[in-house]
C-alpha atoms as a PDB file:
ATOM      1  CA  MET A   1     -11.602 -37.433 -41.561  1.00  0.00           C
ATOM      2  CA  LYS A   2     -11.066 -34.662 -44.100  1.00  0.00           C
ATOM      3  CA  ASN A   3     -14.757 -33.702 -43.918  1.00  0.00           C
ATOM      4  CA  ILE A   4     -14.604 -33.638 -40.145  1.00  0.00           C
ATOM      5  CA  GLY A   5     -11.534 -31.398 -40.336  1.00  0.00           C
ATOM      6  CA  LYS A   6     -13.282 -29.006 -42.699  1.00  0.00           C
ATOM      7  CA  LEU A   7     -16.370 -28.976 -40.498  1.00  0.00           C
ATOM      8  CA  SER A   8     -14.272 -28.151 -37.428  1.00  0.00           C
ATOM      9  CA  PHE A   9     -12.568 -25.366 -39.346  1.00  0.00           C
ATOM     10  CA  PHE A  10     -15.898 -23.784 -40.321  1.00  0.00           C
ATOM     11  CA  VAL A  11     -17.214 -24.124 -36.758  1.00  0.00           C
ATOM     12  CA  VAL A  12     -14.166 -22.244 -35.469  1.00  0.00           C
ATOM     13  CA  ILE A  13     -14.631 -19.524 -38.098  1.00  0.00           C
ATOM     14  CA  LEU A  14     -18.315 -19.137 -37.217  1.00  0.00           C
ATOM     15  CA  CYS A  15     -17.484 -18.885 -33.509  1.00  0.00           C
ATOM     16  CA  LEU A  16     -14.901 -16.167 -34.177  1.00  0.00           C
ATOM     17  CA  VAL A  17     -17.340 -14.212 -36.330  1.00  0.00           C
ATOM     18  CA  ALA A  18     -20.045 -14.509 -33.679  1.00  0.00           C
ATOM     19  CA  ALA A  19     -17.656 -13.389 -30.946  1.00  0.00           C
ATOM     20  CA  SER A  20     -16.499 -10.470 -33.037  1.00  0.00           C
ATOM     21  CA  PHE A  21     -20.062  -9.473 -33.800  1.00  0.00           C
ATOM     22  CA  THR A  22     -20.987  -9.676 -30.102  1.00  0.00           C
ATOM     23  CA  PHE A  23     -18.016  -7.499 -29.133  1.00  0.00           C
ATOM     24  CA  PHE A  24     -18.750  -4.744 -31.625  1.00  0.00           C
ATOM     25  CA  SER A  25     -22.530  -4.671 -31.409  1.00  0.00           C
ATOM     26  CA  TYR A  26     -25.452  -5.332 -29.114  1.00  0.00           C
ATOM     27  CA  SER A  27     -29.242  -5.485 -29.307  1.00  0.00           C
ATOM     28  CA  ASP A  28     -31.379  -2.739 -27.849  1.00  0.00           C
ATOM     29  CA  LYS A  29     -34.737  -3.418 -26.187  1.00  0.00           C
ATOM     30  CA  SER A  30     -36.473  -3.652 -29.574  1.00  0.00           C
ATOM     31  CA  ASN A  31     -33.949  -6.292 -30.700  1.00  0.00           C
ATOM     32  CA  ASN A  32     -32.446  -3.915 -33.245  1.00  0.00           C
ATOM     33  CA  ILE A  33     -28.712  -4.261 -33.704  1.00  0.00           C
ATOM     34  CA  VAL A  34     -27.024  -0.999 -32.765  1.00  0.00           C
ATOM     35  CA  GLU A  35     -23.411   0.083 -32.532  1.00  0.00           C
ATOM     36  CA  SER A  36     -21.907  -0.610 -29.092  1.00  0.00           C
ATOM     37  CA  ILE A  37     -19.901   1.758 -26.923  1.00  0.00           C
ATOM     38  CA  PRO A  38     -17.322   0.727 -24.284  1.00  0.00           C
ATOM     39  CA  GLN A  39     -18.697   3.087 -21.651  1.00  0.00           C
ATOM     40  CA  LYS A  40     -20.763   6.238 -21.313  1.00  0.00           C
ATOM     41  CA  ILE A  41     -18.672   9.325 -20.620  1.00  0.00           C
ATOM     42  CA  ILE A  42     -20.585  12.398 -19.535  1.00  0.00           C
ATOM     43  CA  GLY A  43     -19.590  15.904 -18.537  1.00  0.00           C
ATOM     44  CA  ILE A  44     -19.606  16.938 -14.888  1.00  0.00           C
ATOM     45  CA  LYS A  45     -21.931  19.793 -14.010  1.00  0.00           C
ATOM     46  CA  LEU A  46     -21.262  21.912 -10.929  1.00  0.00           C
ATOM     47  CA  PHE A  47     -23.987  23.041  -8.592  1.00  0.00           C
ATOM     48  CA  SER A  48     -24.687  26.776  -8.746  1.00  0.00           C
ATOM     49  CA  LYS A  49     -23.909  27.006  -5.030  1.00  0.00           C
ATOM     50  CA  MET A  50     -21.298  24.904  -3.240  1.00  0.00           C
ATOM     51  CA  GLU A  51     -19.644  25.032   0.155  1.00  0.00           C
ATOM     52  CA  PHE A  52     -16.860  23.359   2.072  1.00  0.00           C
ATOM     53  CA  ALA A  53     -16.709  23.254   5.874  1.00  0.00           C
ATOM     54  CA  GLY A  54     -19.374  25.961   6.024  1.00  0.00           C
ATOM     55  CA  GLU A  55     -17.435  28.272   3.688  1.00  0.00           C
ATOM     56  CA  GLU A  56     -18.662  29.251   0.231  1.00  0.00           C
ATOM     57  CA  VAL A  57     -16.841  27.868  -2.782  1.00  0.00           C
ATOM     58  CA  PRO A  58     -16.948  30.702  -5.367  1.00  0.00           C
ATOM     59  CA  VAL A  59     -17.986  28.525  -8.321  1.00  0.00           C
ATOM     60  CA  LYS A  60     -19.221  31.573 -10.267  1.00  0.00           C
ATOM     61  CA  ASN A  61     -15.556  32.489 -10.673  1.00  0.00           C
ATOM     62  CA  PRO A  62     -14.606  30.816 -14.006  1.00  0.00           C
ATOM     63  CA  ASP A  63     -11.109  29.942 -12.781  1.00  0.00           C
ATOM     64  CA  VAL A  64     -12.473  28.305  -9.629  1.00  0.00           C
ATOM     65  CA  ALA A  65     -15.146  26.435 -11.597  1.00  0.00           C
ATOM     66  CA  GLU A  66     -12.594  25.078 -14.080  1.00  0.00           C
ATOM     67  CA  ARG A  67     -10.180  23.942 -11.354  1.00  0.00           C
ATOM     68  CA  LEU A  68     -12.960  22.182  -9.426  1.00  0.00           C
ATOM     69  CA  GLU A  69     -14.383  20.602 -12.573  1.00  0.00           C
ATOM     70  CA  ARG A  70     -10.951  19.212 -13.409  1.00  0.00           C
ATOM     71  CA  GLU A  71     -10.705  17.394 -10.087  1.00  0.00           C
ATOM     72  CA  LEU A  72     -14.285  16.144 -10.335  1.00  0.00           C
ATOM     73  CA  ILE A  73     -13.588  14.685 -13.779  1.00  0.00           C
ATOM     74  CA  ILE A  74     -10.309  13.091 -12.697  1.00  0.00           C
ATOM     75  CA  ASN A  75     -11.787  11.491  -9.577  1.00  0.00           C
ATOM     76  CA  THR A  76     -15.036  10.456 -11.269  1.00  0.00           C
ATOM     77  CA  TYR A  77     -13.242   8.569 -14.028  1.00  0.00           C
ATOM     78  CA  GLN A  78     -10.371   7.325 -11.887  1.00  0.00           C
ATOM     79  CA  HIS A  79     -12.471   4.261 -11.271  1.00  0.00           C
ATOM     80  CA  THR A  80     -10.143   2.007  -9.291  1.00  0.00           C
ATOM     81  CA  SER A  81      -9.064   4.578  -6.697  1.00  0.00           C
ATOM     82  CA  THR A  82     -12.512   6.099  -6.252  1.00  0.00           C
ATOM     83  CA  LEU A  83     -14.200   2.714  -5.893  1.00  0.00           C
ATOM     84  CA  LEU A  84     -11.661   1.678  -3.237  1.00  0.00           C
ATOM     85  CA  HIS A  85     -12.208   4.974  -1.408  1.00  0.00           C
ATOM     86  CA  LEU A  86     -15.922   4.225  -1.236  1.00  0.00           C
ATOM     87  CA  LYS A  87     -15.348   0.658  -0.040  1.00  0.00           C
ATOM     88  CA  LEU A  88     -12.876   1.738   2.680  1.00  0.00           C
ATOM     89  CA  ALA A  89     -15.031   4.640   3.880  1.00  0.00           C
ATOM     90  CA  ASN A  90     -17.265   2.251   5.824  1.00  0.00           C
ATOM     91  CA  ARG A  91     -14.278   1.139   7.898  1.00  0.00           C
ATOM     92  CA  TYR A  92     -12.725   4.483   8.752  1.00  0.00           C
ATOM     93  CA  LEU A  93     -14.959   7.508   8.252  1.00  0.00           C
ATOM     94  CA  PRO A  94     -17.513   6.804  11.018  1.00  0.00           C
ATOM     95  CA  THR A  95     -14.667   6.931  13.557  1.00  0.00           C
ATOM     96  CA  VAL A  96     -13.326  10.139  11.998  1.00  0.00           C
ATOM     97  CA  GLU A  97     -16.805  11.684  12.179  1.00  0.00           C
ATOM     98  CA  LYS A  98     -17.090  10.799  15.874  1.00  0.00           C
ATOM     99  CA  VAL A  99     -13.666  12.236  16.723  1.00  0.00           C
ATOM    100  CA  PHE A 100     -14.310  15.382  14.672  1.00  0.00           C
ATOM    101  CA  ARG A 101     -17.602  16.007  16.514  1.00  0.00           C
ATOM    102  CA  GLU A 102     -15.825  15.657  19.844  1.00  0.00           C
ATOM    103  CA  GLU A 103     -12.958  17.915  18.745  1.00  0.00           C
ATOM    104  CA  GLY A 104     -15.109  20.570  17.036  1.00  0.00           C
ATOM    105  CA  VAL A 105     -13.732  20.083  13.524  1.00  0.00           C
ATOM    106  CA  PRO A 106     -16.111  20.362  10.519  1.00  0.00           C
ATOM    107  CA  ASP A 107     -17.171  17.013   9.096  1.00  0.00           C
ATOM    108  CA  ASP A 108     -16.057  17.969   5.564  1.00  0.00           C
ATOM    109  CA  LEU A 109     -12.415  17.845   6.606  1.00  0.00           C
ATOM    110  CA  LYS A 110     -12.616  14.063   6.945  1.00  0.00           C
ATOM    111  CA  TYR A 111     -12.106  13.907   3.175  1.00  0.00           C
ATOM    112  CA  LEU A 112      -8.634  15.342   3.699  1.00  0.00           C
ATOM    113  CA  ALA A 113      -7.618  11.856   4.870  1.00  0.00           C
ATOM    114  CA  VAL A 114      -8.824  10.392   1.577  1.00  0.00           C
ATOM    115  CA  ALA A 115      -6.828  12.938  -0.409  1.00  0.00           C
ATOM    116  CA  GLU A 116      -3.743  12.427   1.756  1.00  0.00           C
ATOM    117  CA  SER A 117      -3.516   8.648   1.875  1.00  0.00           C
ATOM    118  CA  SER A 118      -6.513   6.980   0.188  1.00  0.00           C
ATOM    119  CA  LEU A 119      -7.439   5.829   3.727  1.00  0.00           C
ATOM    120  CA  ARG A 120      -4.364   3.638   4.049  1.00  0.00           C
ATOM    121  CA  ASN A 121      -1.229   3.805   6.183  1.00  0.00           C
ATOM    122  CA  ALA A 122       0.795   5.138   3.290  1.00  0.00           C
ATOM    123  CA  VAL A 123       4.409   6.339   3.275  1.00  0.00           C
ATOM    124  CA  SER A 124       5.283   9.363   1.141  1.00  0.00           C
ATOM    125  CA  SER A 125       8.579  10.104  -0.580  1.00  0.00           C
ATOM    126  CA  ALA A 126       9.083  12.884   1.995  1.00  0.00           C
ATOM    127  CA  GLY A 127       8.743  10.458   4.889  1.00  0.00           C
ATOM    128  CA  ALA A 128       5.193  11.330   5.910  1.00  0.00           C
ATOM    129  CA  LYS A 129       3.287   8.323   7.248  1.00  0.00           C
ATOM    130  CA  GLY A 130      -0.150   7.132   8.185  1.00  0.00           C
ATOM    131  CA  ILE A 131      -3.651   7.964   7.065  1.00  0.00           C
ATOM    132  CA  TRP A 132      -3.088  11.617   7.995  1.00  0.00           C
ATOM    133  CA  GLN A 133       0.453  11.741   6.584  1.00  0.00           C
ATOM    134  CA  PHE A 134       2.356  13.232   9.502  1.00  0.00           C
ATOM    135  CA  ARG A 135       6.086  13.761   9.245  1.00  0.00           C
ATOM    136  CA  ASP A 136       8.240  12.613  12.136  1.00  0.00           C
ATOM    137  CA  ALA A 137       8.702  16.009  13.825  1.00  0.00           C
ATOM    138  CA  ALA A 138       5.076  17.096  13.443  1.00  0.00           C
ATOM    139  CA  ALA A 139       3.871  13.766  14.829  1.00  0.00           C
ATOM    140  CA  LYS A 140       5.943  14.211  17.960  1.00  0.00           C
ATOM    141  CA  ASP A 141       4.765  17.829  18.311  1.00  0.00           C
ATOM    142  CA  PHE A 142       1.177  16.573  18.517  1.00  0.00           C
ATOM    143  CA  GLY A 143       1.847  13.818  21.005  1.00  0.00           C
ATOM    144  CA  LEU A 144       2.349  10.803  18.758  1.00  0.00           C
ATOM    145  CA  LEU A 145       5.017   8.290  19.734  1.00  0.00           C
ATOM    146  CA  VAL A 146       7.518   7.574  16.957  1.00  0.00           C
ATOM    147  CA  SER A 147      10.282   5.125  17.814  1.00  0.00           C
ATOM    148  CA  GLU A 148      12.112   2.092  16.485  1.00  0.00           C
ATOM    149  CA  TYR A 149       9.322  -0.218  17.640  1.00  0.00           C
ATOM    150  CA  VAL A 150       6.207   1.969  17.672  1.00  0.00           C
ATOM    151  CA  ASP A 151       4.876   4.525  15.183  1.00  0.00           C
ATOM    152  CA  GLU A 152       1.586   6.054  16.281  1.00  0.00           C
ATOM    153  CA  ARG A 153       1.220   7.823  12.951  1.00  0.00           C
ATOM    154  CA  ASN A 154      -0.219   4.422  11.997  1.00  0.00           C
ATOM    155  CA  HIS A 155      -2.530   4.431  15.026  1.00  0.00           C
ATOM    156  CA  PHE A 156      -5.815   5.447  13.434  1.00  0.00           C
ATOM    157  CA  GLU A 157      -7.611   6.987  16.416  1.00  0.00           C
ATOM    158  CA  LYS A 158      -4.568   8.708  17.936  1.00  0.00           C
ATOM    159  CA  SER A 159      -3.420  10.149  14.615  1.00  0.00           C
ATOM    160  CA  THR A 160      -6.965  11.387  13.941  1.00  0.00           C
ATOM    161  CA  ARG A 161      -6.928  13.256  17.260  1.00  0.00           C
ATOM    162  CA  ALA A 162      -3.542  14.724  16.342  1.00  0.00           C
ATOM    163  CA  ALA A 163      -4.859  15.815  12.934  1.00  0.00           C
ATOM    164  CA  CYS A 164      -7.740  17.619  14.675  1.00  0.00           C
ATOM    165  CA  LYS A 165      -5.347  19.524  16.910  1.00  0.00           C
ATOM    166  CA  TYR A 166      -3.195  20.508  13.944  1.00  0.00           C
ATOM    167  CA  LEU A 167      -6.124  21.586  11.756  1.00  0.00           C
ATOM    168  CA  LYS A 168      -7.618  23.703  14.554  1.00  0.00           C
ATOM    169  CA  GLN A 169      -4.245  25.323  15.110  1.00  0.00           C
ATOM    170  CA  LEU A 170      -4.002  26.153  11.396  1.00  0.00           C
ATOM    171  CA  LYS A 171      -7.562  27.493  11.313  1.00  0.00           C
ATOM    172  CA  GLU A 172      -6.797  29.781  14.253  1.00  0.00           C
ATOM    173  CA  ARG A 173      -3.686  31.090  12.507  1.00  0.00           C
ATOM    174  CA  PHE A 174      -5.067  31.584   8.986  1.00  0.00           C
ATOM    175  CA  GLY A 175      -8.743  32.294   9.640  1.00  0.00           C
ATOM    176  CA  THR A 176     -10.482  29.856   7.269  1.00  0.00           C
ATOM    177  CA  TRP A 177     -10.683  26.101   6.901  1.00  0.00           C
ATOM    178  CA  SER A 178      -9.741  26.377   3.237  1.00  0.00           C
ATOM    179  CA  LEU A 179      -6.459  28.060   4.128  1.00  0.00           C
ATOM    180  CA  ALA A 180      -5.971  25.568   6.962  1.00  0.00           C
ATOM    181  CA  CYS A 181      -6.157  22.769   4.384  1.00  0.00           C
ATOM    182  CA  ALA A 182      -3.647  24.554   2.156  1.00  0.00           C
ATOM    183  CA  ALA A 183      -1.276  24.951   5.100  1.00  0.00           C
ATOM    184  CA  TYR A 184      -1.706  21.272   5.977  1.00  0.00           C
ATOM    185  CA  ASN A 185      -0.506  20.426   2.478  1.00  0.00           C
ATOM    186  CA  MET A 186       2.319  22.911   1.872  1.00  0.00           C
ATOM    187  CA  GLY A 187       3.264  23.909   5.411  1.00  0.00           C
ATOM    188  CA  PRO A 188       2.194  27.000   7.399  1.00  0.00           C
ATOM    189  CA  THR A 189       5.422  28.939   6.861  1.00  0.00           C
ATOM    190  CA  ALA A 190       5.265  28.596   3.080  1.00  0.00           C
ATOM    191  CA  LEU A 191       1.578  29.541   3.016  1.00  0.00           C
ATOM    192  CA  ALA A 192       2.161  32.604   5.217  1.00  0.00           C
ATOM    193  CA  THR A 193       4.917  33.717   2.838  1.00  0.00           C
ATOM    194  CA  SER A 194       2.636  33.333  -0.198  1.00  0.00           C
ATOM    195  CA  LEU A 195      -0.204  35.258   1.463  1.00  0.00           C
ATOM    196  CA  LYS A 196       2.151  38.118   2.280  1.00  0.00           C
ATOM    197  CA  GLU A 197       3.862  38.216  -1.127  1.00  0.00           C
ATOM    198  CA  GLN A 198       0.624  38.061  -3.112  1.00  0.00           C
ATOM    199  CA  GLU A 199      -1.348  40.298  -0.723  1.00  0.00           C
ATOM    200  CA  GLU A 200      -4.339  37.963  -0.730  1.00  0.00           C
ATOM    201  CA  ASN A 201      -6.470  36.451   2.033  1.00  0.00           C
ATOM    202  CA  SER A 202      -8.396  33.725   0.203  1.00  0.00           C
ATOM    203  CA  TYR A 203      -7.188  30.309  -0.923  1.00  0.00           C
ATOM    204  CA  TYR A 204      -9.107  30.694  -4.176  1.00  0.00           C
ATOM    205  CA  ASP A 205      -7.170  33.846  -5.115  1.00  0.00           C
ATOM    206  CA  LEU A 206      -3.717  32.457  -4.418  1.00  0.00           C
ATOM    207  CA  ASN A 207      -1.237  31.137  -6.970  1.00  0.00           C
ATOM    208  CA  LEU A 208       0.599  28.320  -5.205  1.00  0.00           C
ATOM    209  CA  ASN A 209       2.606  25.272  -6.222  1.00  0.00           C
ATOM    210  CA  ASP A 210       0.710  22.873  -8.485  1.00  0.00           C
ATOM    211  CA  GLU A 211      -0.049  20.329  -5.765  1.00  0.00           C
ATOM    212  CA  THR A 212      -1.497  22.893  -3.352  1.00  0.00           C
ATOM    213  CA  ASN A 213      -3.294  24.741  -6.158  1.00  0.00           C
ATOM    214  CA  ARG A 214      -5.213  21.512  -6.741  1.00  0.00           C
ATOM    215  CA  TYR A 215      -5.343  20.241  -3.166  1.00  0.00           C
ATOM    216  CA  LEU A 216      -8.551  21.785  -1.814  1.00  0.00           C
ATOM    217  CA  PHE A 217     -10.356  21.244  -5.122  1.00  0.00           C
ATOM    218  CA  ARG A 218      -9.425  17.579  -4.957  1.00  0.00           C
ATOM    219  CA  ILE A 219     -10.814  17.330  -1.428  1.00  0.00           C
ATOM    220  CA  ILE A 220     -14.056  19.011  -2.491  1.00  0.00           C
ATOM    221  CA  ALA A 221     -14.331  16.691  -5.492  1.00  0.00           C
ATOM    222  CA  ILE A 222     -13.805  13.640  -3.271  1.00  0.00           C
ATOM    223  CA  LYS A 223     -16.452  14.959  -0.890  1.00  0.00           C
ATOM    224  CA  GLU A 224     -19.020  15.392  -3.668  1.00  0.00           C
ATOM    225  CA  ILE A 225     -18.409  11.933  -5.120  1.00  0.00           C
ATOM    226  CA  MET A 226     -18.359  10.107  -1.786  1.00  0.00           C
ATOM    227  CA  LYS A 227     -21.501  11.855  -0.525  1.00  0.00           C
ATOM    228  CA  ASN A 228     -23.389  11.238  -3.767  1.00  0.00           C
ATOM    229  CA  PRO A 229     -21.786   8.200  -5.434  1.00  0.00           C
ATOM    230  CA  ASP A 230     -24.895   7.366  -7.485  1.00  0.00           C
ATOM    231  CA  ARG A 231     -24.763  10.772  -9.157  1.00  0.00           C
ATOM    232  CA  PHE A 232     -21.267   9.951 -10.414  1.00  0.00           C
ATOM    233  CA  GLY A 233     -22.007   6.417 -11.539  1.00  0.00           C
ATOM    234  CA  TYR A 234     -20.921   4.401  -8.496  1.00  0.00           C
ATOM    235  CA  PHE A 235     -23.479   1.917  -7.222  1.00  0.00           C
ATOM    236  CA  LEU A 236     -22.563  -0.173  -4.177  1.00  0.00           C
ATOM    237  CA  SER A 237     -24.690  -2.446  -2.051  1.00  0.00           C
ATOM    238  CA  ASP A 238     -24.137  -2.901   1.685  1.00  0.00           C
ATOM    239  CA  SER A 239     -22.150  -6.089   1.092  1.00  0.00           C
ATOM    240  CA  ASP A 240     -19.676  -4.245  -1.165  1.00  0.00           C
ATOM    241  CA  TYR A 241     -18.191  -2.170   1.655  1.00  0.00           C
ATOM    242  CA  TYR A 242     -15.204  -3.446   3.609  1.00  0.00           C
ATOM    243  CA  ILE A 243     -15.927  -4.614   7.147  1.00  0.00           C
ATOM    244  CA  THR A 244     -15.116  -2.405  10.095  1.00  0.00           C
ATOM    245  CA  HIS A 245     -12.601  -3.237  12.811  1.00  0.00           C
ATOM    246  CA  SER A 246     -15.092  -2.417  15.540  1.00  0.00           C
ATOM    247  CA  LYS A 247     -15.621  -6.025  16.663  1.00  0.00           C
ATOM    248  CA  SER A 248     -12.564  -6.079  18.878  1.00  0.00           C
ATOM    249  CA  ARG A 249     -11.638  -5.772  22.508  1.00  0.00           C
ATOM    250  CA  GLU A 250      -9.014  -3.604  24.162  1.00  0.00           C
ATOM    251  CA  LEU A 251      -6.092  -5.158  26.003  1.00  0.00           C
ATOM    252  CA  LYS A 252      -3.767  -2.985  28.100  1.00  0.00           C
ATOM    253  CA  ILE A 253      -0.138  -4.084  28.246  1.00  0.00           C
ATOM    254  CA  ASP A 254       2.583  -2.311  30.266  1.00  0.00           C
ATOM    255  CA  THR A 255       5.341  -4.901  29.981  1.00  0.00           C
ATOM    256  CA  SER A 256       7.740  -5.941  27.243  1.00  0.00           C
ATOM    257  CA  ILE A 257       6.654  -8.504  24.661  1.00  0.00           C
ATOM    258  CA  SER A 258       9.604 -10.481  23.352  1.00  0.00           C
ATOM    259  CA  ASN A 259       7.682 -12.332  20.652  1.00  0.00           C
ATOM    260  CA  LEU A 260       4.567 -10.753  19.161  1.00  0.00           C
ATOM    261  CA  SER A 261       3.724 -13.891  17.212  1.00  0.00           C
ATOM    262  CA  ARG A 262       3.456 -15.933  20.408  1.00  0.00           C
ATOM    263  CA  PHE A 263       1.570 -13.085  22.040  1.00  0.00           C
ATOM    264  CA  ALA A 264      -0.933 -13.093  19.157  1.00  0.00           C
ATOM    265  CA  HIS A 265      -1.389 -16.843  19.402  1.00  0.00           C
ATOM    266  CA  SER A 266      -1.979 -16.545  23.154  1.00  0.00           C
ATOM    267  CA  GLN A 267      -4.887 -14.242  22.305  1.00  0.00           C
ATOM    268  CA  GLY A 268      -6.332 -16.687  19.805  1.00  0.00           C
ATOM    269  CA  ILE A 269      -5.359 -14.739  16.685  1.00  0.00           C
ATOM    270  CA  THR A 270      -2.617 -14.772  14.070  1.00  0.00           C
ATOM    271  CA  TYR A 271       0.402 -12.495  13.883  1.00  0.00           C
ATOM    272  CA  ARG A 272      -1.099 -11.084  10.665  1.00  0.00           C
ATOM    273  CA  LEU A 273      -4.345 -10.095  12.407  1.00  0.00           C
ATOM    274  CA  LEU A 274      -2.421  -8.548  15.295  1.00  0.00           C
ATOM    275  CA  LYS A 275      -0.606  -6.279  12.837  1.00  0.00           C
ATOM    276  CA  VAL A 276      -3.788  -5.487  10.866  1.00  0.00           C
ATOM    277  CA  TYR A 277      -5.581  -4.305  14.010  1.00  0.00           C
ATOM    278  CA  ASN A 278      -2.467  -2.667  15.503  1.00  0.00           C
ATOM    279  CA  PRO A 279      -0.501  -1.246  12.556  1.00  0.00           C
ATOM    280  CA  TRP A 280       1.468   1.016  14.906  1.00  0.00           C
ATOM    281  CA  LEU A 281       3.577  -2.025  15.855  1.00  0.00           C
ATOM    282  CA  LEU A 282       6.668  -1.907  13.659  1.00  0.00           C
ATOM    283  CA  LYS A 283       8.604  -5.036  14.551  1.00  0.00           C
ATOM    284  CA  SER A 284       8.129  -8.565  15.855  1.00  0.00           C
ATOM    285  CA  SER A 285       8.751  -7.588  19.474  1.00  0.00           C
ATOM    286  CA  LEU A 286       7.926  -4.687  21.794  1.00  0.00           C
ATOM    287  CA  PRO A 287      10.581  -3.738  24.400  1.00  0.00           C
ATOM    288  CA  ASN A 288       9.040  -1.650  27.182  1.00  0.00           C
ATOM    289  CA  SER A 289      11.535  -0.948  29.957  1.00  0.00           C
ATOM    290  CA  SER A 290       9.689   2.276  30.896  1.00  0.00           C
ATOM    291  CA  ARG A 291       6.487   0.299  31.584  1.00  0.00           C
ATOM    292  CA  GLN A 292       4.433   2.498  29.281  1.00  0.00           C
ATOM    293  CA  THR A 293       0.849   1.342  28.811  1.00  0.00           C
ATOM    294  CA  PHE A 294      -0.044   0.284  25.286  1.00  0.00           C
ATOM    295  CA  ILE A 295      -3.607  -0.534  24.283  1.00  0.00           C
ATOM    296  CA  PHE A 296      -3.930  -3.403  21.829  1.00  0.00           C
ATOM    297  CA  ARG A 297      -7.008  -4.099  19.768  1.00  0.00           C
ATOM    298  CA  ILE A 298      -7.765  -7.814  19.650  1.00  0.00           C
ATOM    299  CA  PRO A 299     -10.360  -8.932  17.092  1.00  0.00           C
ATOM    300  CA  GLU A 300     -13.160 -11.008  18.575  1.00  0.00           C
ATOM    301  CA  GLU A 301     -14.047 -12.789  15.339  1.00  0.00           C
END
């Protein structure tokens, strides 16, 4: 028994040594033992010419180059968030692209939604909601219904249309898409004040609050990574992307629904799936004394 105990002890020691050796070293192709590294970190190189929404990004300006490089580094090595952005893009960005084409908004501005909400119906500390992060008053200004039972800031297609209207309005006021993005982030009144005080007409020459100073650069960085994920070390196969919500049918309802769970079951789905496909529904019922028409999306599979 003593010999068996000693043998077991030595086996354990050998296993620990082997595990330790495996952790700290590996064999290269020639079977030579070489020192291991946890990951390969490389510098990010900017292209000599870059543009956003058809407008030149002045990367030859050292200040601009450094600010853009910072956001590229942060988003490249912020693995969890960036990987989830790529996986969610398959679900949402094709619809954004279609709406933007119809509304005449440059395709590059779709990455604003990623910067705003990570493509989720988020809620900010300031009360902004949805993928496009509208505040209550702004949502109502652009035709979105916000009530106790319904919040169309969480309605993906309607809020995307509203974002188009707002961005076009900002572009018309400030002249460039880069300034329109800045105004979307900090508010048009605050941006107009900064432009006047600093006597500038370009986003890249303005000194704004830290969030807005970084905002457009973050969007550009997200664009570069999501358009060329392989270049930044992200390799996804078709099966890695999240499924779309396109396999659904529309159901028009203009009456009250006292129990959304029973309504969901009557359509052959769960309450959970009803809320996933219709996140604009806030509660477990939908009073509708005004007989307004609501369009529900009902998943077919």
